[in-house]
Amino acid sequence: GILLFLIELVLVAFIKFYPVDEQRQNNLHAATATLIVIMLLSLLMVPLVIYYSRSLSKYKIQLHERRLGQAQQMLHDINQQIATGPSIAGENKSTRSVGNSLSDVHQSSLLPNV
């Protein structure tokens, strides 16, 4: 977005300063100077933008990996709690999962019968 804005500035400056008649020869120098300054700023801005986007991407990946690890740990803890809790008749504790616990909660006395 910033690069497109700088290109737009170059175009606006060239349209404003570009000589239409022979009396405005100095405007051509102003348009050329504007072009050179904006190009130098663009060359300075591109590496900065690349560095910023890489560091932002790296941070977001680390953040999501950490949150995914926390979610996996919570799921493991819930499965461990389910496995050590009271089992339904005929069901193996090691095969129970979070999905099976939803039916247990519905059958429990904590929820009103609908």
PDB file of N, CA and C in Angstrom:
ATOM      1  N   GLY A   1       0.808  -1.188   0.000  1.00  0.00           N
ATOM      2  CA  GLY A   1       0.000   0.000   0.000  1.00  0.00           C
ATOM      3  C   GLY A   1       0.854   1.255   0.000  1.00  0.00           C
ATOM      4  N   ILE A   2       1.942   1.234   0.759  1.00  0.00           N
ATOM      5  CA  ILE A   2       2.810   2.414   0.836  1.00  0.00           C
ATOM      6  C   ILE A   2       3.507   2.647  -0.496  1.00  0.00           C
ATOM      7  N   LEU A   3       3.917   1.564  -1.127  1.00  0.00           N
ATOM      8  CA  LEU A   3       4.591   1.687  -2.421  1.00  0.00           C
ATOM      9  C   LEU A   3       3.653   2.279  -3.467  1.00  0.00           C
ATOM     10  N   LEU A   4       2.404   1.859  -3.480  1.00  0.00           N
ATOM     11  CA  LEU A   4       1.439   2.433  -4.414  1.00  0.00           C
ATOM     12  C   LEU A   4       1.198   3.911  -4.124  1.00  0.00           C
ATOM     13  N   PHE A   5       1.184   4.281  -2.852  1.00  0.00           N
ATOM     14  CA  PHE A   5       1.035   5.683  -2.492  1.00  0.00           C
ATOM     15  C   PHE A   5       2.213   6.511  -3.002  1.00  0.00           C
ATOM     16  N   LEU A   6       3.419   5.980  -2.876  1.00  0.00           N
ATOM     17  CA  LEU A   6       4.591   6.707  -3.383  1.00  0.00           C
ATOM     18  C   LEU A   6       4.545   6.855  -4.903  1.00  0.00           C
ATOM     19  N   ILE A   7       4.070   5.823  -5.590  1.00  0.00           N
ATOM     20  CA  ILE A   7       3.929   5.913  -7.046  1.00  0.00           C
ATOM     21  C   ILE A   7       2.889   6.972  -7.405  1.00  0.00           C
ATOM     22  N   GLU A   8       1.826   7.032  -6.636  1.00  0.00           N
ATOM     23  CA  GLU A   8       0.809   8.051  -6.871  1.00  0.00           C
ATOM     24  C   GLU A   8       1.381   9.446  -6.658  1.00  0.00           C
ATOM     25  N   LEU A   9       2.213   9.612  -5.638  1.00  0.00           N
ATOM     26  CA  LEU A   9       2.848  10.917  -5.418  1.00  0.00           C
ATOM     27  C   LEU A   9       3.720  11.324  -6.592  1.00  0.00           C
ATOM     28  N   VAL A  10       4.448  10.371  -7.153  1.00  0.00           N
ATOM     29  CA  VAL A  10       5.279  10.671  -8.322  1.00  0.00           C
ATOM     30  C   VAL A  10       4.404  11.136  -9.482  1.00  0.00           C
ATOM     31  N   LEU A  11       3.311  10.425  -9.725  1.00  0.00           N
ATOM     32  CA  LEU A  11       2.429  10.803 -10.823  1.00  0.00           C
ATOM     33  C   LEU A  11       1.810  12.177 -10.599  1.00  0.00           C
ATOM     34  N   VAL A  12       1.363  12.465  -9.391  1.00  0.00           N
ATOM     35  CA  VAL A  12       0.772  13.768  -9.092  1.00  0.00           C
ATOM     36  C   VAL A  12       1.816  14.872  -9.251  1.00  0.00           C
ATOM     37  N   ALA A  13       3.023  14.630  -8.756  1.00  0.00           N
ATOM     38  CA  ALA A  13       4.073  15.641  -8.886  1.00  0.00           C
ATOM     39  C   ALA A  13       4.427  15.880 -10.350  1.00  0.00           C
ATOM     40  N   PHE A  14       4.499  14.825 -11.135  1.00  0.00           N
ATOM     41  CA  PHE A  14       4.821  14.989 -12.545  1.00  0.00           C
ATOM     42  C   PHE A  14       3.713  15.738 -13.273  1.00  0.00           C
ATOM     43  N   ILE A  15       2.467  15.438 -12.953  1.00  0.00           N
ATOM     44  CA  ILE A  15       1.359  16.139 -13.598  1.00  0.00           C
ATOM     45  C   ILE A  15       1.358  17.611 -13.200  1.00  0.00           C
ATOM     46  N   LYS A  16       1.669  17.890 -11.933  1.00  0.00           N
ATOM     47  CA  LYS A  16       1.662  19.277 -11.468  1.00  0.00           C
ATOM     48  C   LYS A  16       2.838  20.072 -12.033  1.00  0.00           C
ATOM     49  N   PHE A  17       4.017  19.478 -12.072  1.00  0.00           N
ATOM     50  CA  PHE A  17       5.211  20.236 -12.443  1.00  0.00           C
ATOM     51  C   PHE A  17       5.638  20.083 -13.900  1.00  0.00           C
ATOM     52  N   TYR A  18       5.050  19.162 -14.625  1.00  0.00           N
ATOM     53  CA  TYR A  18       5.493  18.931 -16.000  1.00  0.00           C
ATOM     54  C   TYR A  18       5.172  20.158 -16.852  1.00  0.00           C
ATOM     55  N   PRO A  19       6.156  20.637 -17.604  1.00  0.00           N
ATOM     56  CA  PRO A  19       5.928  21.865 -18.382  1.00  0.00           C
ATOM     57  C   PRO A  19       4.965  21.635 -19.554  1.00  0.00           C
ATOM     58  N   VAL A  20       4.034  22.566 -19.684  1.00  0.00           N
ATOM     59  CA  VAL A  20       3.080  22.499 -20.780  1.00  0.00           C
ATOM     60  C   VAL A  20       3.552  23.389 -21.928  1.00  0.00           C
ATOM     61  N   ASP A  21       4.168  24.484 -21.584  1.00  0.00           N
ATOM     62  CA  ASP A  21       4.706  25.381 -22.610  1.00  0.00           C
ATOM     63  C   ASP A  21       6.181  25.634 -22.355  1.00  0.00           C
ATOM     64  N   GLU A  22       6.801  26.385 -23.200  1.00  0.00           N
ATOM     65  CA  GLU A  22       8.249  26.616 -23.120  1.00  0.00           C
ATOM     66  C   GLU A  22       8.638  27.535 -21.961  1.00  0.00           C
ATOM     67  N   GLN A  23       7.711  28.299 -21.412  1.00  0.00           N
ATOM     68  CA  GLN A  23       8.045  29.230 -20.338  1.00  0.00           C
ATOM     69  C   GLN A  23       8.274  28.529 -19.004  1.00  0.00           C
ATOM     70  N   ARG A  24       7.840  27.321 -18.873  1.00  0.00           N
ATOM     71  CA  ARG A  24       7.952  26.612 -17.592  1.00  0.00           C
ATOM     72  C   ARG A  24       9.043  25.547 -17.646  1.00  0.00           C
ATOM     73  N   GLN A  25      10.196  25.871 -18.122  1.00  0.00           N
ATOM     74  CA  GLN A  25      11.291  24.900 -18.213  1.00  0.00           C
ATOM     75  C   GLN A  25      11.780  24.469 -16.834  1.00  0.00           C
ATOM     76  N   ASN A  26      11.696  25.346 -15.836  1.00  0.00           N
ATOM     77  CA  ASN A  26      12.131  24.993 -14.489  1.00  0.00           C
ATOM     78  C   ASN A  26      11.225  23.930 -13.869  1.00  0.00           C
ATOM     79  N   ASN A  27       9.995  23.855 -14.332  1.00  0.00           N
ATOM     80  CA  ASN A  27       9.085  22.851 -13.790  1.00  0.00           C
ATOM     81  C   ASN A  27       9.535  21.435 -14.147  1.00  0.00           C
ATOM     82  N   LEU A  28      10.191  21.281 -15.283  1.00  0.00           N
ATOM     83  CA  LEU A  28      10.706  19.970 -15.651  1.00  0.00           C
ATOM     84  C   LEU A  28      11.772  19.525 -14.653  1.00  0.00           C
ATOM     85  N   HIS A  29      12.588  20.455 -14.208  1.00  0.00           N
ATOM     86  CA  HIS A  29      13.605  20.141 -13.197  1.00  0.00           C
ATOM     87  C   HIS A  29      12.941  19.767 -11.868  1.00  0.00           C
ATOM     88  N   ALA A  30      11.868  20.467 -11.526  1.00  0.00           N
ATOM     89  CA  ALA A  30      11.149  20.149 -10.284  1.00  0.00           C
ATOM     90  C   ALA A  30      10.512  18.764 -10.378  1.00  0.00           C
ATOM     91  N   ALA A  31       9.950  18.429 -11.519  1.00  0.00           N
ATOM     92  CA  ALA A  31       9.336  17.116 -11.696  1.00  0.00           C
ATOM     93  C   ALA A  31      10.394  16.022 -11.642  1.00  0.00           C
ATOM     94  N   THR A  32      11.540  16.260 -12.256  1.00  0.00           N
ATOM     95  CA  THR A  32      12.624  15.279 -12.228  1.00  0.00           C
ATOM     96  C   THR A  32      13.172  15.114 -10.810  1.00  0.00           C
ATOM     97  N   ALA A  33      13.332  16.221 -10.088  1.00  0.00           N
ATOM     98  CA  ALA A  33      13.818  16.148  -8.708  1.00  0.00           C
ATOM     99  C   ALA A  33      12.834  15.383  -7.824  1.00  0.00           C
ATOM    100  N   THR A  34      11.544  15.630  -8.023  1.00  0.00           N
ATOM    101  CA  THR A  34      10.533  14.899  -7.260  1.00  0.00           C
ATOM    102  C   THR A  34      10.613  13.413  -7.553  1.00  0.00           C
ATOM    103  N   LEU A  35      10.785  13.071  -8.819  1.00  0.00           N
ATOM    104  CA  LEU A  35      10.900  11.668  -9.196  1.00  0.00           C
ATOM    105  C   LEU A  35      12.107  11.020  -8.532  1.00  0.00           C
ATOM    106  N   ILE A  36      13.234  11.703  -8.521  1.00  0.00           N
ATOM    107  CA  ILE A  36      14.458  11.147  -7.923  1.00  0.00           C
ATOM    108  C   ILE A  36      14.277  10.956  -6.415  1.00  0.00           C
ATOM    109  N   VAL A  37      13.699  11.941  -5.729  1.00  0.00           N
ATOM    110  CA  VAL A  37      13.513  11.840  -4.278  1.00  0.00           C
ATOM    111  C   VAL A  37      12.567  10.696  -3.932  1.00  0.00           C
ATOM    112  N   ILE A  38      11.473  10.582  -4.665  1.00  0.00           N
ATOM    113  CA  ILE A  38      10.513   9.515  -4.381  1.00  0.00           C
ATOM    114  C   ILE A  38      11.123   8.149  -4.682  1.00  0.00           C
ATOM    115  N   MET A  39      11.915   8.048  -5.734  1.00  0.00           N
ATOM    116  CA  MET A  39      12.564   6.775  -6.046  1.00  0.00           C
ATOM    117  C   MET A  39      13.547   6.385  -4.941  1.00  0.00           C
ATOM    118  N   LEU A  40      14.295   7.341  -4.418  1.00  0.00           N
ATOM    119  CA  LEU A  40      15.216   7.045  -3.315  1.00  0.00           C
ATOM    120  C   LEU A  40      14.443   6.612  -2.069  1.00  0.00           C
ATOM    121  N   LEU A  41      13.338   7.276  -1.791  1.00  0.00           N
ATOM    122  CA  LEU A  41      12.519   6.870  -0.654  1.00  0.00           C
ATOM    123  C   LEU A  41      11.951   5.472  -0.872  1.00  0.00           C
ATOM    124  N   SER A  42      11.585   5.164  -2.108  1.00  0.00           N
ATOM    125  CA  SER A  42      11.070   3.830  -2.406  1.00  0.00           C
ATOM    126  C   SER A  42      12.143   2.776  -2.186  1.00  0.00           C
ATOM    127  N   LEU A  43      13.362   3.051  -2.620  1.00  0.00           N
ATOM    128  CA  LEU A  43      14.458   2.105  -2.426  1.00  0.00           C
ATOM    129  C   LEU A  43      14.775   1.911  -0.949  1.00  0.00           C
ATOM    130  N   LEU A  44      14.570   2.943  -0.161  1.00  0.00           N
ATOM    131  CA  LEU A  44      14.766   2.833   1.280  1.00  0.00           C
ATOM    132  C   LEU A  44      13.591   2.104   1.940  1.00  0.00           C
ATOM    133  N   MET A  45      12.397   2.313   1.414  1.00  0.00           N
ATOM    134  CA  MET A  45      11.195   1.760   2.027  1.00  0.00           C
ATOM    135  C   MET A  45      11.033   0.267   1.768  1.00  0.00           C
ATOM    136  N   VAL A  46      11.406  -0.221   0.604  1.00  0.00           N
ATOM    137  CA  VAL A  46      11.183  -1.629   0.247  1.00  0.00           C
ATOM    138  C   VAL A  46      11.882  -2.587   1.218  1.00  0.00           C
ATOM    139  N   PRO A  47      13.170  -2.421   1.530  1.00  0.00           N
ATOM    140  CA  PRO A  47      13.777  -3.345   2.511  1.00  0.00           C
ATOM    141  C   PRO A  47      13.135  -3.245   3.899  1.00  0.00           C
ATOM    142  N   LEU A  48      12.727  -2.042   4.281  1.00  0.00           N
ATOM    143  CA  LEU A  48      12.071  -1.868   5.570  1.00  0.00           C
ATOM    144  C   LEU A  48      10.734  -2.615   5.606  1.00  0.00           C
ATOM    145  N   VAL A  49       9.973  -2.518   4.543  1.00  0.00           N
ATOM    146  CA  VAL A  49       8.687  -3.206   4.471  1.00  0.00           C
ATOM    147  C   VAL A  49       8.886  -4.718   4.471  1.00  0.00           C
ATOM    148  N   ILE A  50       9.880  -5.207   3.756  1.00  0.00           N
ATOM    149  CA  ILE A  50      10.155  -6.645   3.721  1.00  0.00           C
ATOM    150  C   ILE A  50      10.551  -7.137   5.120  1.00  0.00           C
ATOM    151  N   TYR A  51      11.431  -6.408   5.803  1.00  0.00           N
ATOM    152  CA  TYR A  51      11.838  -6.791   7.153  1.00  0.00           C
ATOM    153  C   TYR A  51      10.648  -6.786   8.104  1.00  0.00           C
ATOM    154  N   TYR A  52       9.814  -5.751   8.019  1.00  0.00           N
ATOM    155  CA  TYR A  52       8.659  -5.641   8.904  1.00  0.00           C
ATOM    156  C   TYR A  52       7.677  -6.784   8.667  1.00  0.00           C
ATOM    157  N   SER A  53       7.381  -7.083   7.420  1.00  0.00           N
ATOM    158  CA  SER A  53       6.413  -8.141   7.143  1.00  0.00           C
ATOM    159  C   SER A  53       6.943  -9.510   7.557  1.00  0.00           C
ATOM    160  N   ARG A  54       8.247  -9.744   7.391  1.00  0.00           N
ATOM    161  CA  ARG A  54       8.826 -11.020   7.838  1.00  0.00           C
ATOM    162  C   ARG A  54       8.772 -11.157   9.356  1.00  0.00           C
ATOM    163  N   SER A  55       9.128 -10.086  10.061  1.00  0.00           N
ATOM    164  CA  SER A  55       9.112 -10.174  11.526  1.00  0.00           C
ATOM    165  C   SER A  55       7.682 -10.291  12.050  1.00  0.00           C
ATOM    166  N   LEU A  56       6.728  -9.635  11.411  1.00  0.00           N
ATOM    167  CA  LEU A  56       5.339  -9.753  11.824  1.00  0.00           C
ATOM    168  C   LEU A  56       4.820 -11.162  11.556  1.00  0.00           C
ATOM    169  N   SER A  57       5.179 -11.732  10.422  1.00  0.00           N
ATOM    170  CA  SER A  57       4.756 -13.101  10.108  1.00  0.00           C
ATOM    171  C   SER A  57       5.357 -14.097  11.088  1.00  0.00           C
ATOM    172  N   LYS A  58       6.636 -13.919  11.413  1.00  0.00           N
ATOM    173  CA  LYS A  58       7.288 -14.814  12.365  1.00  0.00           C
ATOM    174  C   LYS A  58       6.613 -14.733  13.736  1.00  0.00           C
ATOM    175  N   TYR A  59       6.278 -13.532  14.170  1.00  0.00           N
ATOM    176  CA  TYR A  59       5.607 -13.362  15.461  1.00  0.00           C
ATOM    177  C   TYR A  59       4.246 -14.034  15.453  1.00  0.00           C
ATOM    178  N   LYS A  60       3.471 -13.848  14.380  1.00  0.00           N
ATOM    179  CA  LYS A  60       2.138 -14.447  14.319  1.00  0.00           C
ATOM    180  C   LYS A  60       2.214 -15.967  14.293  1.00  0.00           C
ATOM    181  N   ILE A  61       3.188 -16.524  13.601  1.00  0.00           N
ATOM    182  CA  ILE A  61       3.340 -17.979  13.576  1.00  0.00           C
ATOM    183  C   ILE A  61       3.671 -18.495  14.964  1.00  0.00           C
ATOM    184  N   GLN A  62       4.590 -17.837  15.662  1.00  0.00           N
ATOM    185  CA  GLN A  62       4.940 -18.254  17.019  1.00  0.00           C
ATOM    186  C   GLN A  62       3.743 -18.141  17.960  1.00  0.00           C
ATOM    187  N   LEU A  63       2.954 -17.078  17.818  1.00  0.00           N
ATOM    188  CA  LEU A  63       1.785 -16.885  18.662  1.00  0.00           C
ATOM    189  C   LEU A  63       0.761 -17.994  18.438  1.00  0.00           C
ATOM    190  N   HIS A  64       0.500 -18.315  17.175  1.00  0.00           N
ATOM    191  CA  HIS A  64      -0.479 -19.363  16.889  1.00  0.00           C
ATOM    192  C   HIS A  64       0.033 -20.737  17.290  1.00  0.00           C
ATOM    193  N   GLU A  65       1.327 -20.991  17.153  1.00  0.00           N
ATOM    194  CA  GLU A  65       1.884 -22.271  17.608  1.00  0.00           C
ATOM    195  C   GLU A  65       1.743 -22.406  19.117  1.00  0.00           C
ATOM    196  N   ARG A  66       1.983 -21.316  19.837  1.00  0.00           N
ATOM    197  CA  ARG A  66       1.859 -21.358  21.293  1.00  0.00           C
ATOM    198  C   ARG A  66       0.403 -21.588  21.701  1.00  0.00           C
ATOM    199  N   ARG A  67      -0.527 -20.905  21.045  1.00  0.00           N
ATOM    200  CA  ARG A  67      -1.942 -21.096  21.369  1.00  0.00           C
ATOM    201  C   ARG A  67      -2.410 -22.494  20.995  1.00  0.00           C
ATOM    202  N   LEU A  68      -1.928 -23.028  19.891  1.00  0.00           N
ATOM    203  CA  LEU A  68      -2.282 -24.387  19.506  1.00  0.00           C
ATOM    204  C   LEU A  68      -1.741 -25.387  20.519  1.00  0.00           C
ATOM    205  N   GLY A  69      -0.527 -25.163  21.000  1.00  0.00           N
ATOM    206  CA  GLY A  69       0.035 -26.027  22.036  1.00  0.00           C
ATOM    207  C   GLY A  69      -0.779 -25.979  23.314  1.00  0.00           C
ATOM    208  N   GLN A  70      -1.239 -24.783  23.692  1.00  0.00           N
ATOM    209  CA  GLN A  70      -2.074 -24.660  24.879  1.00  0.00           C
ATOM    210  C   GLN A  70      -3.395 -25.391  24.694  1.00  0.00           C
ATOM    211  N   ALA A  71      -3.981 -25.284  23.510  1.00  0.00           N
ATOM    212  CA  ALA A  71      -5.242 -25.975  23.247  1.00  0.00           C
ATOM    213  C   ALA A  71      -5.051 -27.487  23.270  1.00  0.00           C
ATOM    214  N   GLN A  72      -3.941 -27.957  22.707  1.00  0.00           N
ATOM    215  CA  GLN A  72      -3.668 -29.388  22.732  1.00  0.00           C
ATOM    216  C   GLN A  72      -3.449 -29.874  24.158  1.00  0.00           C
ATOM    217  N   GLN A  73      -2.784 -29.081  24.976  1.00  0.00           N
ATOM    218  CA  GLN A  73      -2.567 -29.453  26.375  1.00  0.00           C
ATOM    219  C   GLN A  73      -3.888 -29.499  27.130  1.00  0.00           C
ATOM    220  N   MET A  74      -4.758 -28.524  26.866  1.00  0.00           N
ATOM    221  CA  MET A  74      -6.064 -28.527  27.509  1.00  0.00           C
ATOM    222  C   MET A  74      -6.871 -29.750  27.087  1.00  0.00           C
ATOM    223  N   LEU A  75      -6.822 -30.098  25.802  1.00  0.00           N
ATOM    224  CA  LEU A  75      -7.525 -31.287  25.319  1.00  0.00           C
ATOM    225  C   LEU A  75      -6.974 -32.550  25.971  1.00  0.00           C
ATOM    226  N   HIS A  76      -5.671 -32.625  26.105  1.00  0.00           N
ATOM    227  CA  HIS A  76      -5.046 -33.776  26.770  1.00  0.00           C
ATOM    228  C   HIS A  76      -5.488 -33.853  28.223  1.00  0.00           C
ATOM    229  N   ASP A  77      -5.506 -32.712  28.908  1.00  0.00           N
ATOM    230  CA  ASP A  77      -5.933 -32.694  30.313  1.00  0.00           C
ATOM    231  C   ASP A  77      -7.391 -33.117  30.456  1.00  0.00           C
ATOM    232  N   ILE A  78      -8.234 -32.642  29.542  1.00  0.00           N
ATOM    233  CA  ILE A  78      -9.651 -33.019  29.601  1.00  0.00           C
ATOM    234  C   ILE A  78      -9.810 -34.509  29.361  1.00  0.00           C
ATOM    235  N   ASN A  79      -9.089 -35.033  28.384  1.00  0.00           N
ATOM    236  CA  ASN A  79      -9.167 -36.477  28.116  1.00  0.00           C
ATOM    237  C   ASN A  79      -8.660 -37.290  29.302  1.00  0.00           C
ATOM    238  N   GLN A  80      -7.636 -36.798  29.992  1.00  0.00           N
ATOM    239  CA  GLN A  80      -7.135 -37.486  31.179  1.00  0.00           C
ATOM    240  C   GLN A  80      -8.176 -37.461  32.287  1.00  0.00           C
ATOM    241  N   GLN A  81      -8.848 -36.339  32.462  1.00  0.00           N
ATOM    242  CA  GLN A  81      -9.890 -36.253  33.486  1.00  0.00           C
ATOM    243  C   GLN A  81     -11.049 -37.183  33.164  1.00  0.00           C
ATOM    244  N   ILE A  82     -11.387 -37.251  31.892  1.00  0.00           N
ATOM    245  CA  ILE A  82     -12.479 -38.138  31.483  1.00  0.00           C
ATOM    246  C   ILE A  82     -12.078 -39.597  31.704  1.00  0.00           C
ATOM    247  N   ALA A  83     -10.832 -39.919  31.377  1.00  0.00           N
ATOM    248  CA  ALA A  83     -10.367 -41.298  31.511  1.00  0.00           C
ATOM    249  C   ALA A  83     -10.315 -41.741  32.967  1.00  0.00           C
ATOM    250  N   THR A  84     -10.029 -40.850  33.874  1.00  0.00           N
ATOM    251  CA  THR A  84      -9.928 -41.228  35.280  1.00  0.00           C
ATOM    252  C   THR A  84     -11.254 -41.119  36.004  1.00  0.00           C
ATOM    253  N   GLY A  85     -12.263 -40.520  35.391  1.00  0.00           N
ATOM    254  CA  GLY A  85     -13.568 -40.355  36.025  1.00  0.00           C
ATOM    255  C   GLY A  85     -14.370 -41.635  35.964  1.00  0.00           C
ATOM    256  N   PRO A  86     -15.596 -41.579  36.502  1.00  0.00           N
ATOM    257  CA  PRO A  86     -16.452 -42.777  36.466  1.00  0.00           C
ATOM    258  C   PRO A  86     -16.811 -43.128  35.032  1.00  0.00           C
ATOM    259  N   SER A  87     -16.785 -44.410  34.748  1.00  0.00           N
ATOM    260  CA  SER A  87     -17.057 -44.842  33.380  1.00  0.00           C
ATOM    261  C   SER A  87     -18.478 -45.367  33.271  1.00  0.00           C
ATOM    262  N   ILE A  88     -18.989 -45.359  32.058  1.00  0.00           N
ATOM    263  CA  ILE A  88     -20.307 -45.917  31.775  1.00  0.00           C
ATOM    264  C   ILE A  88     -20.135 -47.418  31.652  1.00  0.00           C
ATOM    265  N   ALA A  89     -21.128 -48.197  32.038  1.00  0.00           N
ATOM    266  CA  ALA A  89     -21.023 -49.659  32.046  1.00  0.00           C
ATOM    267  C   ALA A  89     -20.677 -50.181  30.658  1.00  0.00           C
ATOM    268  N   GLY A  90     -19.662 -51.030  30.613  1.00  0.00           N
ATOM    269  CA  GLY A  90     -19.267 -51.657  29.368  1.00  0.00           C
ATOM    270  C   GLY A  90     -18.365 -50.807  28.494  1.00  0.00           C
ATOM    271  N   GLU A  91     -17.932 -49.651  28.949  1.00  0.00           N
ATOM    272  CA  GLU A  91     -17.091 -48.783  28.127  1.00  0.00           C
ATOM    273  C   GLU A  91     -15.677 -48.781  28.678  1.00  0.00           C
ATOM    274  N   ASN A  92     -14.714 -48.863  27.796  1.00  0.00           N
ATOM    275  CA  ASN A  92     -13.308 -48.845  28.169  1.00  0.00           C
ATOM    276  C   ASN A  92     -12.890 -47.410  28.433  1.00  0.00           C
ATOM    277  N   LYS A  93     -12.218 -47.160  29.555  1.00  0.00           N
ATOM    278  CA  LYS A  93     -11.802 -45.809  29.906  1.00  0.00           C
ATOM    279  C   LYS A  93     -10.830 -45.214  28.902  1.00  0.00           C
ATOM    280  N   SER A  94      -9.962 -46.020  28.340  1.00  0.00           N
ATOM    281  CA  SER A  94      -8.935 -45.487  27.455  1.00  0.00           C
ATOM    282  C   SER A  94      -9.492 -45.059  26.105  1.00  0.00           C
ATOM    283  N   THR A  95     -10.693 -45.520  25.731  1.00  0.00           N
ATOM    284  CA  THR A  95     -11.249 -45.154  24.435  1.00  0.00           C
ATOM    285  C   THR A  95     -12.187 -43.970  24.515  1.00  0.00           C
ATOM    286  N   ARG A  96     -12.444 -43.453  25.684  1.00  0.00           N
ATOM    287  CA  ARG A  96     -13.340 -42.307  25.815  1.00  0.00           C
ATOM    288  C   ARG A  96     -12.639 -41.051  25.328  1.00  0.00           C
ATOM    289  N   SER A  97     -13.391 -40.120  24.806  1.00  0.00           N
ATOM    290  CA  SER A  97     -12.831 -38.863  24.324  1.00  0.00           C
ATOM    291  C   SER A  97     -13.760 -37.727  24.706  1.00  0.00           C
ATOM    292  N   VAL A  98     -13.410 -36.539  24.263  1.00  0.00           N
ATOM    293  CA  VAL A  98     -14.208 -35.367  24.583  1.00  0.00           C
ATOM    294  C   VAL A  98     -15.594 -35.479  23.963  1.00  0.00           C
ATOM    295  N   GLY A  99     -15.699 -36.030  22.774  1.00  0.00           N
ATOM    296  CA  GLY A  99     -16.987 -36.187  22.127  1.00  0.00           C
ATOM    297  C   GLY A  99     -17.926 -37.055  22.935  1.00  0.00           C
ATOM    298  N   ASN A 100     -17.410 -38.108  23.570  1.00  0.00           N
ATOM    299  CA  ASN A 100     -18.239 -38.974  24.403  1.00  0.00           C
ATOM    300  C   ASN A 100     -18.662 -38.267  25.678  1.00  0.00           C
ATOM    301  N   SER A 101     -17.880 -37.332  26.140  1.00  0.00           N
ATOM    302  CA  SER A 101     -18.209 -36.652  27.381  1.00  0.00           C
ATOM    303  C   SER A 101     -19.404 -35.739  27.209  1.00  0.00           C
ATOM    304  N   LEU A 102     -19.689 -35.296  25.987  1.00  0.00           N
ATOM    305  CA  LEU A 102     -20.846 -34.447  25.774  1.00  0.00           C
ATOM    306  C   LEU A 102     -22.135 -35.202  26.055  1.00  0.00           C
ATOM    307  N   SER A 103     -22.188 -36.458  25.664  1.00  0.00           N
ATOM    308  CA  SER A 103     -23.384 -37.240  25.971  1.00  0.00           C
ATOM    309  C   SER A 103     -23.487 -37.493  27.468  1.00  0.00           C
ATOM    310  N   ASP A 104     -22.344 -37.641  28.162  1.00  0.00           N
ATOM    311  CA  ASP A 104     -22.348 -37.820  29.610  1.00  0.00           C
ATOM    312  C   ASP A 104     -22.916 -36.591  30.304  1.00  0.00           C
ATOM    313  N   VAL A 105     -22.536 -35.399  29.822  1.00  0.00           N
ATOM    314  CA  VAL A 105     -23.014 -34.163  30.428  1.00  0.00           C
ATOM    315  C   VAL A 105     -24.509 -34.033  30.211  1.00  0.00           C
ATOM    316  N   HIS A 106     -24.990 -34.407  29.045  1.00  0.00           N
ATOM    317  CA  HIS A 106     -26.417 -34.315  28.764  1.00  0.00           C
ATOM    318  C   HIS A 106     -27.212 -35.257  29.656  1.00  0.00           C
ATOM    319  N   GLN A 107     -26.652 -36.413  29.960  1.00  0.00           N
ATOM    320  CA  GLN A 107     -27.339 -37.388  30.779  1.00  0.00           C
ATOM    321  C   GLN A 107     -27.207 -37.083  32.268  1.00  0.00           C
ATOM    322  N   SER A 108     -26.298 -36.217  32.625  1.00  0.00           N
ATOM    323  CA  SER A 108     -26.087 -35.944  34.051  1.00  0.00           C
ATOM    324  C   SER A 108     -27.204 -35.094  34.606  1.00  0.00           C
ATOM    325  N   SER A 109     -27.237 -34.994  35.918  1.00  0.00           N
ATOM    326  CA  SER A 109     -28.300 -34.242  36.585  1.00  0.00           C
ATOM    327  C   SER A 109     -28.008 -32.753  36.609  1.00  0.00           C
ATOM    328  N   LEU A 110     -26.867 -32.322  36.075  1.00  0.00           N
ATOM    329  CA  LEU A 110     -26.533 -30.897  36.080  1.00  0.00           C
ATOM    330  C   LEU A 110     -27.392 -30.121  35.101  1.00  0.00           C
ATOM    331  N   LEU A 111     -27.797 -30.764  34.016  1.00  0.00           N
ATOM    332  CA  LEU A 111     -28.603 -30.083  33.028  1.00  0.00           C
ATOM    333  C   LEU A 111     -30.064 -30.446  33.205  1.00  0.00           C
ATOM    334  N   PRO A 112     -30.965 -29.494  33.050  1.00  0.00           N
ATOM    335  CA  PRO A 112     -32.399 -29.819  33.176  1.00  0.00           C
ATOM    336  C   PRO A 112     -32.852 -30.621  31.975  1.00  0.00           C
ATOM    337  N   ASN A 113     -33.815 -31.501  32.197  1.00  0.00           N
ATOM    338  CA  ASN A 113     -34.338 -32.303  31.095  1.00  0.00           C
ATOM    339  C   ASN A 113     -35.217 -31.423  30.221  1.00  0.00           C
ATOM    340  N   VAL A 114     -35.008 -31.528  28.915  1.00  0.00           N
ATOM    341  CA  VAL A 114     -35.774 -30.693  27.980  1.00  0.00           C
ATOM    342  C   VAL A 114     -36.752 -31.538  27.222  1.00  0.00           C
TER     343      VAL A 114
END
